[in-house]
């Protein structure tokens, strides 16, 4: 994976959240209060099920993958 960067509101992203692949749009982004990571609130294109709960939104930090294996990256738009 390439170096991660903060994403802007409205950007399309994809990744893996607790083992579930996802695509969606950044709804809100803010710096984490306890470390140098950045938290992204993502509205999912399609709901995913995590630990038995269906989610249509998730929160993903950009410097988190080493600990949780959650990922986020820009979604390539094919014109």
N, C-alpha and C. Protein backbone atom coordinates (compact mmCIF):
# COMPACT_ATOMS: atom_id res chain seq x y z
N UNK A 1 0.84 -1.17 0.00
CA UNK A 1 0.00 0.00 0.00
C UNK A 1 0.89 1.23 0.00
N UNK A 2 0.49 2.25 -0.73
CA UNK A 2 1.25 3.49 -0.78
C UNK A 2 1.01 4.29 0.50
N UNK A 3 1.81 5.35 0.67
CA UNK A 3 1.67 6.19 1.85
C UNK A 3 0.24 6.74 1.91
N UNK A 4 -0.32 6.74 3.11
CA UNK A 4 -1.69 7.20 3.26
C UNK A 4 -1.71 8.70 3.49
N UNK A 5 -2.83 9.32 3.15
CA UNK A 5 -2.99 10.75 3.28
C UNK A 5 -4.43 11.02 3.70
N UNK A 6 -4.69 12.18 4.29
CA UNK A 6 -6.08 12.52 4.61
C UNK A 6 -6.90 12.67 3.33
N UNK A 7 -8.14 12.29 3.37
CA UNK A 7 -9.05 12.45 2.24
C UNK A 7 -10.01 13.59 2.51
N UNK A 8 -10.47 14.23 1.46
CA UNK A 8 -11.39 15.36 1.58
C UNK A 8 -12.84 14.88 1.57
N UNK A 9 -13.70 15.68 2.18
CA UNK A 9 -15.14 15.41 2.15
C UNK A 9 -15.58 15.33 0.70
N UNK A 10 -16.35 14.30 0.37
CA UNK A 10 -16.84 14.09 -0.99
C UNK A 10 -15.98 13.16 -1.82
N UNK A 11 -14.75 12.86 -1.36
CA UNK A 11 -13.88 11.95 -2.13
C UNK A 11 -14.42 10.53 -2.06
N UNK A 12 -14.28 9.82 -3.17
CA UNK A 12 -14.67 8.40 -3.25
C UNK A 12 -13.49 7.56 -2.77
N UNK A 13 -13.78 6.57 -1.91
CA UNK A 13 -12.74 5.73 -1.34
C UNK A 13 -13.16 4.27 -1.35
N UNK A 14 -12.17 3.41 -1.15
CA UNK A 14 -12.41 1.98 -1.02
C UNK A 14 -11.44 1.44 0.00
N UNK A 15 -11.71 0.25 0.50
CA UNK A 15 -10.79 -0.35 1.44
C UNK A 15 -11.38 -1.60 2.06
N UNK A 16 -10.82 -1.97 3.21
CA UNK A 16 -11.27 -3.14 3.96
C UNK A 16 -11.52 -2.69 5.39
N UNK A 17 -12.69 -3.02 5.94
CA UNK A 17 -13.05 -2.66 7.30
C UNK A 17 -13.42 -3.93 8.05
N UNK A 18 -12.61 -4.30 9.02
CA UNK A 18 -12.79 -5.54 9.80
C UNK A 18 -13.05 -6.73 8.87
N UNK A 19 -12.22 -6.82 7.83
CA UNK A 19 -12.28 -7.95 6.91
C UNK A 19 -13.30 -7.82 5.79
N UNK A 20 -14.10 -6.77 5.79
CA UNK A 20 -15.13 -6.58 4.77
C UNK A 20 -14.72 -5.50 3.78
N UNK A 21 -14.64 -5.82 2.48
CA UNK A 21 -14.33 -4.79 1.49
C UNK A 21 -15.48 -3.78 1.40
N UNK A 22 -15.14 -2.54 1.12
CA UNK A 22 -16.16 -1.50 1.01
C UNK A 22 -15.76 -0.46 -0.03
N UNK A 23 -16.76 0.26 -0.53
CA UNK A 23 -16.56 1.48 -1.31
C UNK A 23 -17.54 2.50 -0.74
N UNK A 24 -17.17 3.78 -0.84
CA UNK A 24 -18.06 4.80 -0.32
C UNK A 24 -17.53 6.19 -0.55
N UNK A 25 -18.13 7.14 0.15
CA UNK A 25 -17.81 8.55 0.01
C UNK A 25 -17.50 9.13 1.39
N UNK A 26 -16.44 9.94 1.47
CA UNK A 26 -16.08 10.58 2.74
C UNK A 26 -17.14 11.63 3.08
N UNK A 27 -17.78 11.44 4.22
CA UNK A 27 -18.83 12.35 4.68
C UNK A 27 -18.24 13.41 5.62
N UNK A 28 -17.22 13.02 6.38
CA UNK A 28 -16.65 13.91 7.39
C UNK A 28 -15.24 13.41 7.67
N UNK A 29 -14.30 14.31 7.90
CA UNK A 29 -12.92 13.92 8.21
C UNK A 29 -12.38 14.86 9.27
N UNK A 30 -11.64 14.31 10.24
CA UNK A 30 -11.09 15.14 11.30
C UNK A 30 -9.83 14.49 11.87
N UNK A 31 -8.94 15.30 12.44
CA UNK A 31 -7.77 14.74 13.11
C UNK A 31 -8.21 13.95 14.35
N UNK A 32 -7.50 12.88 14.64
CA UNK A 32 -7.74 12.11 15.85
C UNK A 32 -7.27 12.93 17.04
N UNK A 33 -7.94 12.84 18.17
CA UNK A 33 -7.58 13.64 19.34
C UNK A 33 -6.42 13.07 20.15
N UNK A 34 -6.10 11.77 19.96
CA UNK A 34 -5.10 11.13 20.81
C UNK A 34 -3.78 10.83 20.09
N UNK A 35 -3.74 10.95 18.79
CA UNK A 35 -2.51 10.65 18.05
C UNK A 35 -2.52 11.42 16.72
N UNK A 36 -1.60 11.08 15.83
CA UNK A 36 -1.48 11.83 14.58
C UNK A 36 -2.30 11.26 13.44
N UNK A 37 -3.18 10.32 13.73
CA UNK A 37 -4.00 9.77 12.65
C UNK A 37 -5.14 10.72 12.31
N UNK A 38 -5.83 10.41 11.23
CA UNK A 38 -6.95 11.20 10.75
C UNK A 38 -8.14 10.27 10.63
N UNK A 39 -9.28 10.61 11.19
CA UNK A 39 -10.46 9.75 11.14
C UNK A 39 -11.38 10.18 10.01
N UNK A 40 -11.85 9.20 9.25
CA UNK A 40 -12.74 9.45 8.12
C UNK A 40 -14.08 8.76 8.37
N UNK A 41 -15.16 9.52 8.28
CA UNK A 41 -16.50 8.97 8.38
C UNK A 41 -16.95 8.70 6.95
N UNK A 42 -17.23 7.44 6.66
CA UNK A 42 -17.53 7.00 5.29
C UNK A 42 -18.99 6.57 5.17
N UNK A 43 -19.70 7.11 4.17
CA UNK A 43 -21.04 6.62 3.81
C UNK A 43 -20.81 5.53 2.76
N UNK A 44 -21.24 4.32 3.07
CA UNK A 44 -20.99 3.18 2.19
C UNK A 44 -21.94 3.15 1.00
N UNK A 45 -21.42 2.68 -0.13
CA UNK A 45 -22.27 2.48 -1.31
C UNK A 45 -23.27 1.36 -1.07
N UNK A 46 -22.81 0.31 -0.39
CA UNK A 46 -23.65 -0.83 -0.04
C UNK A 46 -23.34 -1.20 1.41
N UNK A 47 -24.36 -1.52 2.20
CA UNK A 47 -24.11 -1.88 3.60
C UNK A 47 -23.20 -3.11 3.71
N UNK A 48 -22.43 -3.16 4.80
CA UNK A 48 -21.61 -4.33 5.10
C UNK A 48 -22.01 -4.84 6.48
N UNK A 49 -21.75 -6.10 6.75
CA UNK A 49 -22.05 -6.68 8.05
C UNK A 49 -20.74 -6.94 8.78
N UNK A 50 -20.62 -6.36 9.97
CA UNK A 50 -19.42 -6.50 10.80
C UNK A 50 -19.87 -6.98 12.18
N UNK A 51 -19.34 -8.12 12.61
CA UNK A 51 -19.70 -8.69 13.91
C UNK A 51 -21.21 -8.80 14.08
N UNK A 52 -21.90 -9.21 13.03
CA UNK A 52 -23.33 -9.43 13.07
C UNK A 52 -24.20 -8.18 12.95
N UNK A 53 -23.58 -7.01 12.85
CA UNK A 53 -24.34 -5.76 12.72
C UNK A 53 -24.17 -5.20 11.31
N UNK A 54 -25.28 -4.82 10.69
CA UNK A 54 -25.24 -4.22 9.36
C UNK A 54 -24.95 -2.74 9.51
N UNK A 55 -23.97 -2.26 8.73
CA UNK A 55 -23.57 -0.86 8.81
C UNK A 55 -23.66 -0.20 7.44
N UNK A 56 -24.19 1.04 7.44
CA UNK A 56 -24.21 1.81 6.19
C UNK A 56 -23.21 2.96 6.26
N UNK A 57 -22.59 3.13 7.45
CA UNK A 57 -21.52 4.12 7.66
C UNK A 57 -20.45 3.49 8.54
N UNK A 58 -19.20 3.89 8.32
CA UNK A 58 -18.09 3.42 9.14
C UNK A 58 -17.14 4.58 9.41
N UNK A 59 -16.26 4.41 10.40
CA UNK A 59 -15.20 5.38 10.69
C UNK A 59 -13.87 4.65 10.54
N UNK A 60 -13.00 5.19 9.68
CA UNK A 60 -11.71 4.57 9.41
C UNK A 60 -10.60 5.59 9.62
N UNK A 61 -9.56 5.20 10.38
CA UNK A 61 -8.38 6.06 10.55
C UNK A 61 -7.36 5.73 9.48
N UNK A 62 -6.59 6.72 9.03
CA UNK A 62 -5.66 6.44 7.94
C UNK A 62 -4.34 5.83 8.38
N UNK A 63 -3.95 5.97 9.64
CA UNK A 63 -2.69 5.36 10.06
C UNK A 63 -2.94 4.16 10.95
N UNK A 64 -4.04 3.49 10.74
CA UNK A 64 -4.48 2.39 11.57
C UNK A 64 -4.15 1.00 11.03
N UNK A 65 -3.90 0.80 9.74
CA UNK A 65 -3.86 -0.55 9.19
C UNK A 65 -2.92 -1.52 9.89
N UNK A 66 -1.79 -1.06 10.38
CA UNK A 66 -0.88 -2.00 11.04
C UNK A 66 -1.52 -2.64 12.27
N UNK A 67 -2.37 -1.91 12.95
CA UNK A 67 -2.98 -2.44 14.17
C UNK A 67 -4.27 -3.21 13.89
N UNK A 68 -5.15 -2.69 13.04
CA UNK A 68 -6.46 -3.30 12.86
C UNK A 68 -6.66 -3.97 11.51
N UNK A 69 -5.78 -3.72 10.57
CA UNK A 69 -5.90 -4.20 9.20
C UNK A 69 -7.02 -3.51 8.43
N UNK A 70 -7.58 -2.40 8.96
CA UNK A 70 -8.55 -1.60 8.21
C UNK A 70 -7.76 -0.73 7.24
N UNK A 71 -8.28 -0.54 6.04
CA UNK A 71 -7.58 0.25 5.04
C UNK A 71 -8.53 1.25 4.39
N UNK A 72 -7.93 2.28 3.82
CA UNK A 72 -8.69 3.27 3.05
C UNK A 72 -7.76 3.79 1.95
N UNK A 73 -8.29 3.89 0.75
CA UNK A 73 -7.51 4.45 -0.37
C UNK A 73 -8.48 5.07 -1.35
N UNK A 74 -7.94 5.92 -2.22
CA UNK A 74 -8.76 6.57 -3.23
C UNK A 74 -9.37 5.53 -4.16
N UNK A 75 -10.59 5.74 -4.54
CA UNK A 75 -11.28 4.86 -5.48
C UNK A 75 -11.04 5.42 -6.87
N UNK A 76 -10.50 4.58 -7.75
CA UNK A 76 -10.26 5.02 -9.12
C UNK A 76 -11.59 5.19 -9.85
N UNK A 77 -11.76 6.33 -10.45
CA UNK A 77 -12.97 6.60 -11.21
C UNK A 77 -12.66 6.33 -12.68
N UNK A 78 -13.43 5.43 -13.27
CA UNK A 78 -13.24 5.09 -14.68
C UNK A 78 -14.25 5.89 -15.48
N UNK A 79 -13.74 6.74 -16.35
CA UNK A 79 -14.63 7.62 -17.14
C UNK A 79 -15.19 6.89 -18.34
